[in-house]
Amino acid sequence: MKEIQDTERLLAYLKAYSIEPVFNEQLMAHLHLCSFAQGEHICSKGDPSGNLYVLVKGKLKIFTTSPEGKTLIISFKSPLELIGDVEYIQGTEMINTVEAVSPVHMLCIEYRWLKKYGKDHPPLLHFMLEIITQKFYRKSNFLSMNLMHPVEVRLASYLLSIFYDESDPNFTGQLNTISLVDTANFIGTSYRHLNRVIQKLSQEGLIERSNGLILIKNRAGLSELASRNIYEPT
């Protein structure tokens, strides 16, 4: 994590998302703009929680790890999103691991300042309530929609989530084939069937599997297959 010493950019993000009223004068004095590199962890499951993050640029991957070391991807997040909100309300350690899929900018403020200057500030409380309820809605929608789509559609949506950040057209990622077990778990299919679907999409010229990586060859075709990205917030 790197702190960006740029007050004008911080204010520009607040204005772009119309969240200037969320942070009163006292909170603004302790609000920071931070950047995270692609692949960097914002927080890890089980870590002590102490900061509220507001995602204003880039894309995040939320996942959890079992005691046996198995990884389960929970969701992808694009702006505007909060990290650490549930933990702040509940007073718990970090529930999941959060990783930057692309270069990320986040507003950051420590819990101690929220408790001191924000607990009786209605715009902040309303903002947090709105984001938290959206999370529950999206989770419910994801659970109902995910298995209703064929594996081809689920894989296409997943690849678009991994490879592209709509807020940064210049970003393209790569999916290492080592992650295919996690991918199978996330989209709700078996590793064997996932490999068959990858082979099918490769034969159709949509993707290419080479040297341990999966590359998108035809983004437009993959987007058409996905229809709409079922793993991205709507």
Protein backbone atom coordinates (compact mmCIF):
# COMPACT_ATOMS: atom_id res chain seq x y z
CA MET A 1 0.00 0.00 0.00
CA LYS A 2 1.16 3.50 -0.81
CA GLU A 3 -0.42 6.71 0.41
CA ILE A 4 -1.11 9.20 -2.37
CA GLN A 5 -0.38 12.72 -1.20
CA ASP A 6 -2.82 14.42 -3.55
CA THR A 7 -5.69 16.28 -1.90
CA GLU A 8 -7.14 17.41 -5.24
CA ARG A 9 -7.42 13.84 -6.49
CA LEU A 10 -9.02 12.74 -3.21
CA LEU A 11 -11.60 15.52 -3.48
CA ALA A 12 -12.17 14.65 -7.13
CA TYR A 13 -13.07 11.06 -6.17
CA LEU A 14 -15.48 12.31 -3.51
CA LYS A 15 -17.15 14.55 -6.08
CA ALA A 16 -17.20 11.91 -8.83
CA TYR A 17 -19.19 9.55 -6.60
CA SER A 18 -21.22 12.30 -4.91
CA ILE A 19 -20.07 11.25 -1.45
CA GLU A 20 -18.73 14.61 -0.19
CA PRO A 21 -21.41 14.78 2.56
CA VAL A 22 -20.44 11.32 3.88
CA PHE A 23 -17.31 12.69 5.53
CA ASN A 24 -17.72 15.71 7.78
CA GLU A 25 -14.92 18.18 8.47
CA GLN A 26 -13.51 16.16 11.37
CA LEU A 27 -13.49 12.92 9.34
CA MET A 28 -11.94 14.64 6.32
CA ALA A 29 -8.93 15.54 8.43
CA HIS A 30 -8.17 11.82 8.80
CA LEU A 31 -9.21 10.57 5.34
CA HIS A 32 -6.41 9.33 3.09
CA LEU A 33 -6.10 8.21 -0.53
CA CYS A 34 -4.12 4.99 -0.96
CA SER A 35 -3.04 2.84 -3.90
CA PHE A 36 -2.57 -0.93 -4.13
CA ALA A 37 -0.73 -2.78 -6.87
CA GLN A 38 -2.25 -5.61 -8.88
CA GLY A 39 -2.07 -8.80 -6.80
CA GLU A 40 -1.52 -6.93 -3.51
CA HIS A 41 -3.66 -7.86 -0.51
CA ILE A 42 -5.70 -5.08 1.04
CA CYS A 43 -6.41 -7.31 4.03
CA SER A 44 -6.30 -11.02 4.90
CA LYS A 45 -8.81 -13.26 6.63
CA GLY A 46 -8.26 -13.26 10.38
CA ASP A 47 -6.29 -10.02 10.44
CA PRO A 48 -7.27 -7.45 13.08
CA SER A 49 -9.61 -4.93 11.47
CA GLY A 50 -8.86 -1.26 11.90
CA ASN A 51 -9.55 0.61 8.66
CA LEU A 52 -12.56 1.35 6.51
CA TYR A 53 -11.73 1.40 2.79
CA VAL A 54 -13.79 2.97 0.02
CA LEU A 55 -12.97 1.55 -3.41
CA VAL A 56 -12.92 4.41 -5.93
CA LYS A 57 -10.83 2.94 -8.77
CA GLY A 58 -9.98 -0.58 -9.89
CA LYS A 59 -11.27 -4.05 -9.15
CA LEU A 60 -11.06 -6.30 -6.11
CA LYS A 61 -11.36 -10.04 -5.58
CA ILE A 62 -12.88 -11.26 -2.31
CA PHE A 63 -12.06 -14.79 -1.23
CA THR A 64 -11.76 -16.99 1.82
CA THR A 65 -9.52 -19.92 2.72
CA SER A 66 -10.53 -23.03 4.65
CA PRO A 67 -8.40 -24.56 7.43
CA GLU A 68 -7.39 -27.21 4.86
CA GLY A 69 -5.98 -24.50 2.60
CA LYS A 70 -8.76 -24.57 0.01
CA THR A 71 -9.60 -21.20 -1.56
CA LEU A 72 -13.12 -20.10 -2.44
CA ILE A 73 -13.64 -16.90 -4.43
CA ILE A 74 -16.69 -15.07 -3.12
CA SER A 75 -17.06 -12.11 -5.44
CA PHE A 76 -15.48 -9.32 -7.45
CA LYS A 77 -15.95 -5.69 -6.49
CA SER A 78 -15.84 -2.49 -8.56
CA PRO A 79 -16.43 1.09 -7.40
CA LEU A 80 -18.24 2.21 -5.37
CA GLU A 81 -17.63 -0.37 -2.64
CA LEU A 82 -16.72 -0.57 1.04
CA ILE A 83 -14.20 -2.93 2.63
CA GLY A 84 -14.18 -3.31 6.40
CA ASP A 85 -17.71 -2.01 6.93
CA VAL A 86 -19.21 -5.22 8.34
CA GLU A 87 -16.16 -5.72 10.55
CA TYR A 88 -16.50 -2.14 11.82
CA ILE A 89 -20.15 -2.63 12.74
CA GLN A 90 -19.61 -6.08 14.27
CA GLY A 91 -16.27 -5.35 15.92
CA THR A 92 -14.68 -8.48 14.42
CA GLU A 93 -11.46 -9.46 12.68
CA MET A 94 -11.39 -9.50 8.89
CA ILE A 95 -13.88 -12.04 7.56
CA ASN A 96 -12.31 -12.52 4.12
CA THR A 97 -9.15 -11.83 2.15
CA VAL A 98 -9.32 -8.93 -0.30
CA GLU A 99 -6.92 -8.75 -3.24
CA ALA A 100 -6.43 -6.14 -5.95
CA VAL A 101 -7.22 -7.67 -9.35
CA SER A 102 -6.07 -4.48 -11.06
CA PRO A 103 -4.26 -1.38 -9.79
CA VAL A 104 -6.55 0.08 -7.14
CA HIS A 105 -7.23 3.42 -5.46
CA MET A 106 -9.07 3.46 -2.14
CA LEU A 107 -10.06 6.06 0.40
CA CYS A 108 -8.97 4.96 3.86
CA ILE A 109 -9.89 6.04 7.38
CA GLU A 110 -9.18 4.39 10.72
CA TYR A 111 -12.05 3.00 12.80
CA ARG A 112 -11.05 5.13 15.79
CA TRP A 113 -11.88 8.31 13.88
CA LEU A 114 -15.16 6.86 12.63
CA LYS A 115 -16.13 6.06 16.20
CA LYS A 116 -15.10 9.49 17.43
CA TYR A 117 -16.51 11.70 14.68
CA GLY A 118 -18.85 9.56 12.60
CA LYS A 119 -21.11 7.54 14.89
CA ASP A 120 -23.67 10.36 15.03
CA HIS A 121 -23.16 11.62 11.46
CA PRO A 122 -26.32 10.63 9.49
CA PRO A 123 -24.82 10.82 5.94
CA LEU A 124 -22.06 8.37 6.90
CA LEU A 125 -24.47 5.99 8.62
CA HIS A 126 -26.87 6.12 5.66
CA PHE A 127 -24.02 5.49 3.22
CA MET A 128 -22.81 2.44 5.13
CA LEU A 129 -26.34 1.07 5.48
CA GLU A 130 -26.94 1.46 1.75
CA ILE A 131 -23.71 -0.34 0.81
CA ILE A 132 -24.26 -3.17 3.30
CA THR A 133 -27.83 -3.80 2.12
CA GLN A 134 -26.61 -3.80 -1.50
CA LYS A 135 -24.12 -6.52 -0.56
CA PHE A 136 -26.89 -8.73 0.80
CA TYR A 137 -29.01 -8.11 -2.29
CA ARG A 138 -26.16 -8.92 -4.68
CA LYS A 139 -25.26 -12.06 -2.73
CA SER A 140 -28.85 -13.28 -2.89
CA ASN A 141 -29.03 -12.46 -6.60
CA PHE A 142 -25.71 -14.20 -7.25
CA LEU A 143 -26.78 -17.41 -5.50
CA SER A 144 -30.03 -17.54 -7.46
CA MET A 145 -28.54 -16.61 -10.84
CA ASN A 146 -25.22 -18.46 -10.82
CA LEU A 147 -26.40 -22.02 -11.27
CA MET A 148 -29.19 -20.98 -13.66
CA HIS A 149 -26.61 -20.27 -16.37
CA PRO A 150 -24.65 -22.86 -18.38
CA VAL A 151 -21.02 -23.37 -17.39
CA GLU A 152 -19.91 -21.69 -20.64
CA VAL A 153 -21.69 -18.48 -19.60
CA ARG A 154 -20.37 -18.66 -16.05
CA LEU A 155 -16.80 -19.15 -17.27
CA ALA A 156 -17.10 -16.31 -19.78
CA SER A 157 -18.33 -13.96 -17.04
CA TYR A 158 -15.56 -15.07 -14.70
CA LEU A 159 -12.86 -14.49 -17.31
CA LEU A 160 -14.19 -11.01 -18.06
CA SER A 161 -14.12 -10.23 -14.33
CA ILE A 162 -10.51 -11.40 -14.00
CA PHE A 163 -9.14 -9.90 -17.21
CA TYR A 164 -10.73 -6.47 -17.45
CA ASP A 165 -11.33 -3.45 -15.29
CA GLU A 166 -13.96 -1.23 -16.91
CA SER A 167 -12.67 1.82 -15.03
CA ASP A 168 -9.21 1.30 -16.55
CA PRO A 169 -9.40 0.32 -20.27
CA ASN A 170 -5.65 -0.17 -20.40
CA PHE A 171 -5.70 -2.99 -17.83
CA THR A 172 -5.73 -6.59 -19.00
CA GLY A 173 -4.88 -9.49 -16.75
CA GLN A 174 -4.01 -13.14 -17.11
CA LEU A 175 -5.47 -16.24 -15.48
CA ASN A 176 -2.86 -18.75 -14.43
CA THR A 177 -4.11 -22.30 -14.94
CA ILE A 178 -3.07 -23.10 -11.36
CA SER A 179 -6.22 -21.15 -10.37
CA LEU A 180 -8.57 -23.43 -12.29
CA VAL A 181 -9.56 -25.41 -9.18
CA ASP A 182 -10.61 -22.16 -7.52
CA THR A 183 -12.40 -21.15 -10.72
CA ALA A 184 -14.33 -24.43 -10.79
CA ASN A 185 -15.38 -23.95 -7.16
CA PHE A 186 -16.45 -20.37 -7.79
CA ILE A 187 -18.62 -21.05 -10.82
CA GLY A 188 -20.04 -24.25 -9.35
CA THR A 189 -18.70 -27.03 -11.56
CA SER A 190 -16.11 -29.79 -11.49
CA TYR A 191 -12.49 -29.30 -12.48
CA ARG A 192 -12.90 -31.96 -15.19
CA HIS A 193 -15.95 -30.31 -16.72
CA LEU A 194 -14.27 -26.91 -16.55
CA ASN A 195 -11.38 -28.25 -18.61
CA ARG A 196 -13.83 -29.52 -21.23
CA VAL A 197 -15.46 -26.08 -21.43
CA ILE A 198 -12.05 -24.40 -21.73
CA GLN A 199 -11.21 -26.71 -24.60
CA LYS A 200 -14.54 -25.90 -26.27
CA LEU A 201 -14.04 -22.13 -25.97
CA SER A 202 -10.48 -22.54 -27.27
CA GLN A 203 -11.75 -24.40 -30.33
CA GLU A 204 -14.25 -21.58 -30.92
CA GLY A 205 -11.40 -19.06 -30.89
CA LEU A 206 -12.59 -17.18 -27.81
CA ILE A 207 -9.67 -18.03 -25.53
CA GLU A 208 -6.27 -19.67 -25.74
CA ARG A 209 -4.55 -21.92 -23.22
CA SER A 210 -0.79 -21.64 -23.55
CA ASN A 211 2.25 -21.98 -21.29
CA GLY A 212 0.19 -22.29 -18.14
CA LEU A 213 -1.95 -19.23 -18.87
CA ILE A 214 -5.39 -18.58 -20.25
CA LEU A 215 -5.56 -15.63 -22.64
CA ILE A 216 -8.64 -14.00 -24.13
CA LYS A 217 -8.45 -13.91 -27.93
CA ASN A 218 -11.92 -12.55 -28.68
CA ARG A 219 -13.27 -10.27 -25.96
CA ALA A 220 -16.32 -9.25 -28.00
CA GLY A 221 -17.23 -12.88 -28.57
CA LEU A 222 -16.75 -13.71 -24.91
CA SER A 223 -18.89 -10.73 -23.88
CA GLU A 224 -21.62 -11.86 -26.27
CA LEU A 225 -21.52 -15.35 -24.76
CA ALA A 226 -21.73 -13.93 -21.23
CA SER A 227 -24.64 -11.67 -22.31
CA ARG A 228 -24.07 -9.66 -19.13
CA ASN A 229 -21.42 -10.26 -16.53
CA ILE A 230 -23.26 -12.17 -13.77
CA TYR A 231 -20.36 -11.72 -11.35
CA GLU A 232 -20.23 -7.94 -11.54
CA PRO A 233 -22.51 -5.64 -9.49
CA THR A 234 -25.49 -4.20 -11.31
